[in-house]
Amino acid sequence: MTAAQTTAFFEQDAQMGIPNETVVQLQQEGITTVDDLVDFDKDTMEQISANLRRPAGRIPDPNPAAAPGAIYNVMTMLLSQRWF
């Protein structure tokens, strides 16, 4: 699959319908291509989903008007039940 087809698979509503921010986090879990999905069973996908619901840490506030050193909690990300 091309990069555009992979993006469409993960992000288009007619396919998986996953927000781009969640797709980026899935890459951190080892899912970067459609073929990577064969390496994950139902239990592993449920764990990944749980990880996305409860991300750890904080990140620097990207708002240019934010005070120096401002941070915020990493946002919760959702994974569609279509995965299971």
PDB file of N, CA and C in Angstrom:
ATOM      1  N   MET A   1       0.833  -1.186   0.000  1.00  0.00           N
ATOM      2  CA  MET A   1       0.000   0.000   0.000  1.00  0.00           C
ATOM      3  C   MET A   1       0.875   1.246   0.000  1.00  0.00           C
ATOM      4  N   THR A   2       0.390   2.266  -0.659  1.00  0.00           N
ATOM      5  CA  THR A   2       1.105   3.538  -0.643  1.00  0.00           C
ATOM      6  C   THR A   2       0.859   4.239   0.692  1.00  0.00           C
ATOM      7  N   ALA A   3       1.631   5.277   0.951  1.00  0.00           N
ATOM      8  CA  ALA A   3       1.436   6.057   2.180  1.00  0.00           C
ATOM      9  C   ALA A   3       0.031   6.660   2.214  1.00  0.00           C
ATOM     10  N   ALA A   4      -0.450   7.136   1.081  1.00  0.00           N
ATOM     11  CA  ALA A   4      -1.794   7.729   1.014  1.00  0.00           C
ATOM     12  C   ALA A   4      -2.868   6.670   1.295  1.00  0.00           C
ATOM     13  N   GLN A   5      -2.692   5.477   0.771  1.00  0.00           N
ATOM     14  CA  GLN A   5      -3.657   4.400   1.017  1.00  0.00           C
ATOM     15  C   GLN A   5      -3.647   3.976   2.486  1.00  0.00           C
ATOM     16  N   THR A   6      -2.472   3.936   3.076  1.00  0.00           N
ATOM     17  CA  THR A   6      -2.363   3.582   4.489  1.00  0.00           C
ATOM     18  C   THR A   6      -3.053   4.631   5.347  1.00  0.00           C
ATOM     19  N   THR A   7      -2.804   5.891   5.053  1.00  0.00           N
ATOM     20  CA  THR A   7      -3.468   6.974   5.786  1.00  0.00           C
ATOM     21  C   THR A   7      -4.972   6.873   5.634  1.00  0.00           C
ATOM     22  N   ALA A   8      -5.436   6.642   4.416  1.00  0.00           N
ATOM     23  CA  ALA A   8      -6.876   6.506   4.169  1.00  0.00           C
ATOM     24  C   ALA A   8      -7.449   5.338   4.963  1.00  0.00           C
ATOM     25  N   PHE A   9      -6.756   4.215   5.005  1.00  0.00           N
ATOM     26  CA  PHE A   9      -7.234   3.045   5.741  1.00  0.00           C
ATOM     27  C   PHE A   9      -7.443   3.374   7.213  1.00  0.00           C
ATOM     28  N   PHE A  10      -6.465   4.014   7.824  1.00  0.00           N
ATOM     29  CA  PHE A  10      -6.560   4.308   9.247  1.00  0.00           C
ATOM     30  C   PHE A  10      -7.501   5.474   9.554  1.00  0.00           C
ATOM     31  N   GLU A  11      -7.543   6.501   8.706  1.00  0.00           N
ATOM     32  CA  GLU A  11      -8.207   7.748   9.081  1.00  0.00           C
ATOM     33  C   GLU A  11      -9.565   8.010   8.449  1.00  0.00           C
ATOM     34  N   GLN A  12      -9.873   7.470   7.293  1.00  0.00           N
ATOM     35  CA  GLN A  12     -11.158   7.770   6.664  1.00  0.00           C
ATOM     36  C   GLN A  12     -12.306   7.112   7.427  1.00  0.00           C
ATOM     37  N   ASP A  13     -13.424   7.844   7.525  1.00  0.00           N
ATOM     38  CA  ASP A  13     -14.591   7.332   8.249  1.00  0.00           C
ATOM     39  C   ASP A  13     -15.116   6.029   7.663  1.00  0.00           C
ATOM     40  N   ALA A  14     -15.015   5.858   6.358  1.00  0.00           N
ATOM     41  CA  ALA A  14     -15.496   4.629   5.727  1.00  0.00           C
ATOM     42  C   ALA A  14     -14.580   3.436   6.032  1.00  0.00           C
ATOM     43  N   GLN A  15     -13.404   3.716   6.567  1.00  0.00           N
ATOM     44  CA  GLN A  15     -12.467   2.650   6.933  1.00  0.00           C
ATOM     45  C   GLN A  15     -12.420   2.543   8.462  1.00  0.00           C
ATOM     46  N   MET A  16     -11.261   2.815   9.076  1.00  0.00           N
ATOM     47  CA  MET A  16     -11.130   2.713  10.526  1.00  0.00           C
ATOM     48  C   MET A  16     -11.606   3.971  11.247  1.00  0.00           C
ATOM     49  N   GLY A  17     -11.534   5.124  10.602  1.00  0.00           N
ATOM     50  CA  GLY A  17     -12.031   6.363  11.194  1.00  0.00           C
ATOM     51  C   GLY A  17     -11.279   6.809  12.433  1.00  0.00           C
ATOM     52  N   ILE A  18      -9.971   6.618  12.457  1.00  0.00           N
ATOM     53  CA  ILE A  18      -9.160   6.979  13.618  1.00  0.00           C
ATOM     54  C   ILE A  18      -8.594   8.384  13.421  1.00  0.00           C
ATOM     55  N   PRO A  19      -8.718   9.265  14.413  1.00  0.00           N
ATOM     56  CA  PRO A  19      -8.126  10.605  14.282  1.00  0.00           C
ATOM     57  C   PRO A  19      -6.616  10.523  14.081  1.00  0.00           C
ATOM     58  N   ASN A  20      -6.075  11.468  13.344  1.00  0.00           N
ATOM     59  CA  ASN A  20      -4.642  11.483  13.049  1.00  0.00           C
ATOM     60  C   ASN A  20      -3.795  11.436  14.312  1.00  0.00           C
ATOM     61  N   GLU A  21      -4.201  12.144  15.358  1.00  0.00           N
ATOM     62  CA  GLU A  21      -3.419  12.162  16.602  1.00  0.00           C
ATOM     63  C   GLU A  21      -3.309  10.753  17.192  1.00  0.00           C
ATOM     64  N   THR A  22      -4.368   9.977  17.062  1.00  0.00           N
ATOM     65  CA  THR A  22      -4.349   8.604  17.561  1.00  0.00           C
ATOM     66  C   THR A  22      -3.474   7.721  16.676  1.00  0.00           C
ATOM     67  N   VAL A  23      -3.533   7.942  15.375  1.00  0.00           N
ATOM     68  CA  VAL A  23      -2.681   7.178  14.449  1.00  0.00           C
ATOM     69  C   VAL A  23      -1.214   7.411  14.794  1.00  0.00           C
ATOM     70  N   VAL A  24      -0.853   8.634  15.111  1.00  0.00           N
ATOM     71  CA  VAL A  24       0.531   8.939  15.499  1.00  0.00           C
ATOM     72  C   VAL A  24       0.908   8.153  16.757  1.00  0.00           C
ATOM     73  N   GLN A  25      -0.002   8.069  17.724  1.00  0.00           N
ATOM     74  CA  GLN A  25       0.274   7.302  18.936  1.00  0.00           C
ATOM     75  C   GLN A  25       0.344   5.798  18.659  1.00  0.00           C
ATOM     76  N   LEU A  26      -0.471   5.319  17.716  1.00  0.00           N
ATOM     77  CA  LEU A  26      -0.386   3.906  17.338  1.00  0.00           C
ATOM     78  C   LEU A  26       0.995   3.576  16.798  1.00  0.00           C
ATOM     79  N   GLN A  27       1.607   4.519  16.119  1.00  0.00           N
ATOM     80  CA  GLN A  27       2.962   4.303  15.614  1.00  0.00           C
ATOM     81  C   GLN A  27       3.925   4.058  16.768  1.00  0.00           C
ATOM     82  N   GLN A  28       3.683   4.726  17.907  1.00  0.00           N
ATOM     83  CA  GLN A  28       4.515   4.506  19.092  1.00  0.00           C
ATOM     84  C   GLN A  28       4.319   3.096  19.664  1.00  0.00           C
ATOM     85  N   GLU A  29       3.160   2.503  19.372  1.00  0.00           N
ATOM     86  CA  GLU A  29       2.847   1.144  19.831  1.00  0.00           C
ATOM     87  C   GLU A  29       3.316   0.095  18.825  1.00  0.00           C
ATOM     88  N   GLY A  30       3.898   0.528  17.708  1.00  0.00           N
ATOM     89  CA  GLY A  30       4.424  -0.409  16.722  1.00  0.00           C
ATOM     90  C   GLY A  30       3.520  -0.658  15.530  1.00  0.00           C
ATOM     91  N   ILE A  31       2.455   0.119  15.394  1.00  0.00           N
ATOM     92  CA  ILE A  31       1.539  -0.044  14.264  1.00  0.00           C
ATOM     93  C   ILE A  31       1.733   1.125  13.313  1.00  0.00           C
ATOM     94  N   THR A  32       2.495   0.865  12.249  1.00  0.00           N
ATOM     95  CA  THR A  32       2.765   1.923  11.274  1.00  0.00           C
ATOM     96  C   THR A  32       2.195   1.607   9.900  1.00  0.00           C
ATOM     97  N   THR A  33       1.906   0.331   9.658  1.00  0.00           N
ATOM     98  CA  THR A  33       1.329  -0.072   8.374  1.00  0.00           C
ATOM     99  C   THR A  33       0.173  -1.032   8.637  1.00  0.00           C
ATOM    100  N   VAL A  34      -0.635  -1.255   7.632  1.00  0.00           N
ATOM    101  CA  VAL A  34      -1.742  -2.199   7.750  1.00  0.00           C
ATOM    102  C   VAL A  34      -1.200  -3.598   8.056  1.00  0.00           C
ATOM    103  N   ASP A  35      -0.097  -3.954   7.457  1.00  0.00           N
ATOM    104  CA  ASP A  35       0.498  -5.274   7.689  1.00  0.00           C
ATOM    105  C   ASP A  35       0.894  -5.497   9.147  1.00  0.00           C
ATOM    106  N   ASP A  36       1.181  -4.419   9.874  1.00  0.00           N
ATOM    107  CA  ASP A  36       1.547  -4.554  11.286  1.00  0.00           C
ATOM    108  C   ASP A  36       0.405  -5.120  12.129  1.00  0.00           C
ATOM    109  N   LEU A  37      -0.813  -4.962  11.655  1.00  0.00           N
ATOM    110  CA  LEU A  37      -1.970  -5.411  12.430  1.00  0.00           C
ATOM    111  C   LEU A  37      -1.995  -6.922  12.632  1.00  0.00           C
ATOM    112  N   VAL A  38      -1.369  -7.690  11.756  1.00  0.00           N
ATOM    113  CA  VAL A  38      -1.378  -9.148  11.907  1.00  0.00           C
ATOM    114  C   VAL A  38      -0.577  -9.595  13.129  1.00  0.00           C
ATOM    115  N   ASP A  39       0.299  -8.737  13.629  1.00  0.00           N
ATOM    116  CA  ASP A  39       1.126  -9.071  14.782  1.00  0.00           C
ATOM    117  C   ASP A  39       0.406  -8.885  16.111  1.00  0.00           C
ATOM    118  N   PHE A  40      -0.821  -8.357  16.087  1.00  0.00           N
ATOM    119  CA  PHE A  40      -1.527  -8.017  17.316  1.00  0.00           C
ATOM    120  C   PHE A  40      -2.812  -8.826  17.434  1.00  0.00           C
ATOM    121  N   ASP A  41      -2.957  -9.558  18.549  1.00  0.00           N
ATOM    122  CA  ASP A  41      -4.193 -10.295  18.792  1.00  0.00           C
ATOM    123  C   ASP A  41      -5.180  -9.399  19.555  1.00  0.00           C
ATOM    124  N   LYS A  42      -6.354  -9.943  19.858  1.00  0.00           N
ATOM    125  CA  LYS A  42      -7.397  -9.151  20.512  1.00  0.00           C
ATOM    126  C   LYS A  42      -6.930  -8.607  21.862  1.00  0.00           C
ATOM    127  N   ASP A  43      -6.270  -9.424  22.663  1.00  0.00           N
ATOM    128  CA  ASP A  43      -5.814  -8.966  23.979  1.00  0.00           C
ATOM    129  C   ASP A  43      -4.804  -7.822  23.854  1.00  0.00           C
ATOM    130  N   THR A  44      -3.900  -7.945  22.902  1.00  0.00           N
ATOM    131  CA  THR A  44      -2.905  -6.892  22.694  1.00  0.00           C
ATOM    132  C   THR A  44      -3.573  -5.606  22.227  1.00  0.00           C
ATOM    133  N   MET A  45      -4.559  -5.720  21.331  1.00  0.00           N
ATOM    134  CA  MET A  45      -5.263  -4.518  20.859  1.00  0.00           C
ATOM    135  C   MET A  45      -6.043  -3.869  21.997  1.00  0.00           C
ATOM    136  N   GLU A  46      -6.613  -4.676  22.894  1.00  0.00           N
ATOM    137  CA  GLU A  46      -7.306  -4.101  24.046  1.00  0.00           C
ATOM    138  C   GLU A  46      -6.335  -3.373  24.952  1.00  0.00           C
ATOM    139  N   GLN A  47      -5.116  -3.906  25.109  1.00  0.00           N
ATOM    140  CA  GLN A  47      -4.102  -3.223  25.917  1.00  0.00           C
ATOM    141  C   GLN A  47      -3.676  -1.915  25.263  1.00  0.00           C
ATOM    142  N   ILE A  48      -3.496  -1.923  23.965  1.00  0.00           N
ATOM    143  CA  ILE A  48      -3.150  -0.690  23.250  1.00  0.00           C
ATOM    144  C   ILE A  48      -4.255   0.335  23.417  1.00  0.00           C
ATOM    145  N   SER A  49      -5.501  -0.098  23.303  1.00  0.00           N
ATOM    146  CA  SER A  49      -6.638   0.800  23.494  1.00  0.00           C
ATOM    147  C   SER A  49      -6.619   1.400  24.901  1.00  0.00           C
ATOM    148  N   ALA A  50      -6.331   0.577  25.896  1.00  0.00           N
ATOM    149  CA  ALA A  50      -6.241   1.067  27.279  1.00  0.00           C
ATOM    150  C   ALA A  50      -5.102   2.072  27.422  1.00  0.00           C
ATOM    151  N   ASN A  51      -3.979   1.802  26.778  1.00  0.00           N
ATOM    152  CA  ASN A  51      -2.850   2.734  26.820  1.00  0.00           C
ATOM    153  C   ASN A  51      -3.236   4.089  26.233  1.00  0.00           C
ATOM    154  N   LEU A  52      -4.020   4.072  25.160  1.00  0.00           N
ATOM    155  CA  LEU A  52      -4.433   5.313  24.518  1.00  0.00           C
ATOM    156  C   LEU A  52      -5.421   6.086  25.391  1.00  0.00           C
ATOM    157  N   ARG A  53      -6.245   5.374  26.152  1.00  0.00           N
ATOM    158  CA  ARG A  53      -7.208   6.043  27.033  1.00  0.00           C
ATOM    159  C   ARG A  53      -6.528   6.668  28.241  1.00  0.00           C
ATOM    160  N   ARG A  54      -5.376   6.135  28.629  1.00  0.00           N
ATOM    161  CA  ARG A  54      -4.680   6.626  29.812  1.00  0.00           C
ATOM    162  C   ARG A  54      -3.213   6.918  29.479  1.00  0.00           C
ATOM    163  N   PRO A  55      -2.975   7.875  28.611  1.00  0.00           N
ATOM    164  CA  PRO A  55      -1.584   8.173  28.263  1.00  0.00           C
ATOM    165  C   PRO A  55      -0.840   8.764  29.462  1.00  0.00           C
ATOM    166  N   ALA A  56       0.429   8.521  29.492  1.00  0.00           N
ATOM    167  CA  ALA A  56       1.244   9.012  30.598  1.00  0.00           C
ATOM    168  C   ALA A  56       1.949  10.302  30.223  1.00  0.00           C
ATOM    169  N   GLY A  57       2.149  11.128  31.210  1.00  0.00           N
ATOM    170  CA  GLY A  57       3.012  12.272  31.051  1.00  0.00           C
ATOM    171  C   GLY A  57       2.343  13.571  30.668  1.00  0.00           C
ATOM    172  N   ARG A  58       3.197  14.518  30.507  1.00  0.00           N
ATOM    173  CA  ARG A  58       2.793  15.853  30.090  1.00  0.00           C
ATOM    174  C   ARG A  58       3.714  16.292  28.968  1.00  0.00           C
ATOM    175  N   ILE A  59       3.242  17.259  28.217  1.00  0.00           N
ATOM    176  CA  ILE A  59       4.053  17.782  27.117  1.00  0.00           C
ATOM    177  C   ILE A  59       4.072  19.301  27.201  1.00  0.00           C
ATOM    178  N   PRO A  60       5.078  19.926  26.604  1.00  0.00           N
ATOM    179  CA  PRO A  60       5.108  21.392  26.580  1.00  0.00           C
ATOM    180  C   PRO A  60       3.882  21.932  25.849  1.00  0.00           C
ATOM    181  N   ASP A  61       3.339  23.021  26.353  1.00  0.00           N
ATOM    182  CA  ASP A  61       2.190  23.656  25.711  1.00  0.00           C
ATOM    183  C   ASP A  61       2.644  24.239  24.371  1.00  0.00           C
ATOM    184  N   PRO A  62       2.041  23.781  23.252  1.00  0.00           N
ATOM    185  CA  PRO A  62       2.472  24.260  21.931  1.00  0.00           C
ATOM    186  C   PRO A  62       1.919  25.643  21.568  1.00  0.00           C
ATOM    187  N   ASN A  63       1.027  26.172  22.402  1.00  0.00           N
ATOM    188  CA  ASN A  63       0.442  27.480  22.135  1.00  0.00           C
ATOM    189  C   ASN A  63       1.536  28.550  22.200  1.00  0.00           C
ATOM    190  N   PRO A  64       1.748  29.307  21.115  1.00  0.00           N
ATOM    191  CA  PRO A  64       2.798  30.336  21.122  1.00  0.00           C
ATOM    192  C   PRO A  64       2.611  31.382  22.220  1.00  0.00           C
ATOM    193  N   ALA A  65       1.375  31.570  22.683  1.00  0.00           N
ATOM    194  CA  ALA A  65       1.109  32.572  23.719  1.00  0.00           C
ATOM    195  C   ALA A  65       1.238  31.992  25.130  1.00  0.00           C
ATOM    196  N   ALA A  66       1.560  30.706  25.229  1.00  0.00           N
ATOM    197  CA  ALA A  66       1.668  30.074  26.545  1.00  0.00           C
ATOM    198  C   ALA A  66       2.863  30.633  27.311  1.00  0.00           C
ATOM    199  N   ALA A  67       2.734  30.633  28.620  1.00  0.00           N
ATOM    200  CA  ALA A  67       3.841  31.088  29.472  1.00  0.00           C
ATOM    201  C   ALA A  67       5.038  30.163  29.286  1.00  0.00           C
ATOM    202  N   PRO A  68       6.241  30.686  29.390  1.00  0.00           N
ATOM    203  CA  PRO A  68       7.431  29.838  29.281  1.00  0.00           C
ATOM    204  C   PRO A  68       7.365  28.694  30.297  1.00  0.00           C
ATOM    205  N   GLY A  69       7.641  27.489  29.836  1.00  0.00           N
ATOM    206  CA  GLY A  69       7.626  26.319  30.692  1.00  0.00           C
ATOM    207  C   GLY A  69       6.250  25.728  30.945  1.00  0.00           C
ATOM    208  N   ALA A  70       5.211  26.307  30.329  1.00  0.00           N
ATOM    209  CA  ALA A  70       3.855  25.782  30.525  1.00  0.00           C
ATOM    210  C   ALA A  70       3.753  24.382  29.934  1.00  0.00           C
ATOM    211  N   ILE A  71       3.058  23.506  30.651  1.00  0.00           N
ATOM    212  CA  ILE A  71       2.859  22.135  30.190  1.00  0.00           C
ATOM    213  C   ILE A  71       1.399  21.751  30.402  1.00  0.00           C
ATOM    214  N   TYR A  72       0.978  20.678  29.759  1.00  0.00           N
ATOM    215  CA  TYR A  72      -0.353  20.149  30.016  1.00  0.00           C
ATOM    216  C   TYR A  72      -0.322  18.642  29.882  1.00  0.00           C
ATOM    217  N   ASN A  73      -1.332  18.003  30.474  1.00  0.00           N
ATOM    218  CA  ASN A  73      -1.416  16.546  30.425  1.00  0.00           C
ATOM    219  C   ASN A  73      -1.670  16.087  29.002  1.00  0.00           C
ATOM    220  N   VAL A  74      -1.096  14.964  28.653  1.00  0.00           N
ATOM    221  CA  VAL A  74      -1.325  14.367  27.346  1.00  0.00           C
ATOM    222  C   VAL A  74      -2.799  13.982  27.254  1.00  0.00           C
ATOM    223  N   MET A  75      -3.424  14.292  26.133  1.00  0.00           N
ATOM    224  CA  MET A  75      -4.847  14.040  25.961  1.00  0.00           C
ATOM    225  C   MET A  75      -5.140  12.557  25.767  1.00  0.00           C
ATOM    226  N   THR A  76      -6.305  12.157  26.225  1.00  0.00           N
ATOM    227  CA  THR A  76      -6.791  10.800  26.013  1.00  0.00           C
ATOM    228  C   THR A  76      -7.110  10.609  24.541  1.00  0.00           C
ATOM    229  N   MET A  77      -6.792   9.447  24.011  1.00  0.00           N
ATOM    230  CA  MET A  77      -7.086   9.130  22.611  1.00  0.00           C
ATOM    231  C   MET A  77      -7.973   7.906  22.585  1.00  0.00           C
ATOM    232  N   LEU A  78      -8.847   7.862  21.608  1.00  0.00           N
ATOM    233  CA  LEU A  78      -9.785   6.755  21.500  1.00  0.00           C
ATOM    234  C   LEU A  78      -9.474   5.894  20.298  1.00  0.00           C
ATOM    235  N   LEU A  79      -9.726   4.621  20.454  1.00  0.00           N
ATOM    236  CA  LEU A  79      -9.542   3.662  19.375  1.00  0.00           C
ATOM    237  C   LEU A  79     -10.890   3.026  19.100  1.00  0.00           C
ATOM    238  N   SER A  80     -11.313   3.064  17.877  1.00  0.00           N
ATOM    239  CA  SER A  80     -12.616   2.537  17.482  1.00  0.00           C
ATOM    240  C   SER A  80     -12.753   1.063  17.842  1.00  0.00           C
ATOM    241  N   GLN A  81     -13.966   0.655  18.196  1.00  0.00           N
ATOM    242  CA  GLN A  81     -14.229  -0.744  18.478  1.00  0.00           C
ATOM    243  C   GLN A  81     -14.152  -1.593  17.198  1.00  0.00           C
ATOM    244  N   ARG A  82     -14.029  -0.964  16.052  1.00  0.00           N
ATOM    245  CA  ARG A  82     -13.856  -1.719  14.809  1.00  0.00           C
ATOM    246  C   ARG A  82     -12.584  -2.552  14.835  1.00  0.00           C
ATOM    247  N   TRP A  83     -11.678  -2.214  15.740  1.00  0.00           N
ATOM    248  CA  TRP A  83     -10.408  -2.930  15.833  1.00  0.00           C
ATOM    249  C   TRP A  83     -10.582  -4.312  16.433  1.00  0.00           C
ATOM    250  N   PHE A  84     -11.636  -4.519  17.195  1.00  0.00           N
ATOM    251  CA  PHE A  84     -11.753  -5.761  17.970  1.00  0.00           C
ATOM    252  C   PHE A  84     -12.644  -6.762  17.323  1.00  0.00           C
TER     253      PHE A  84
END
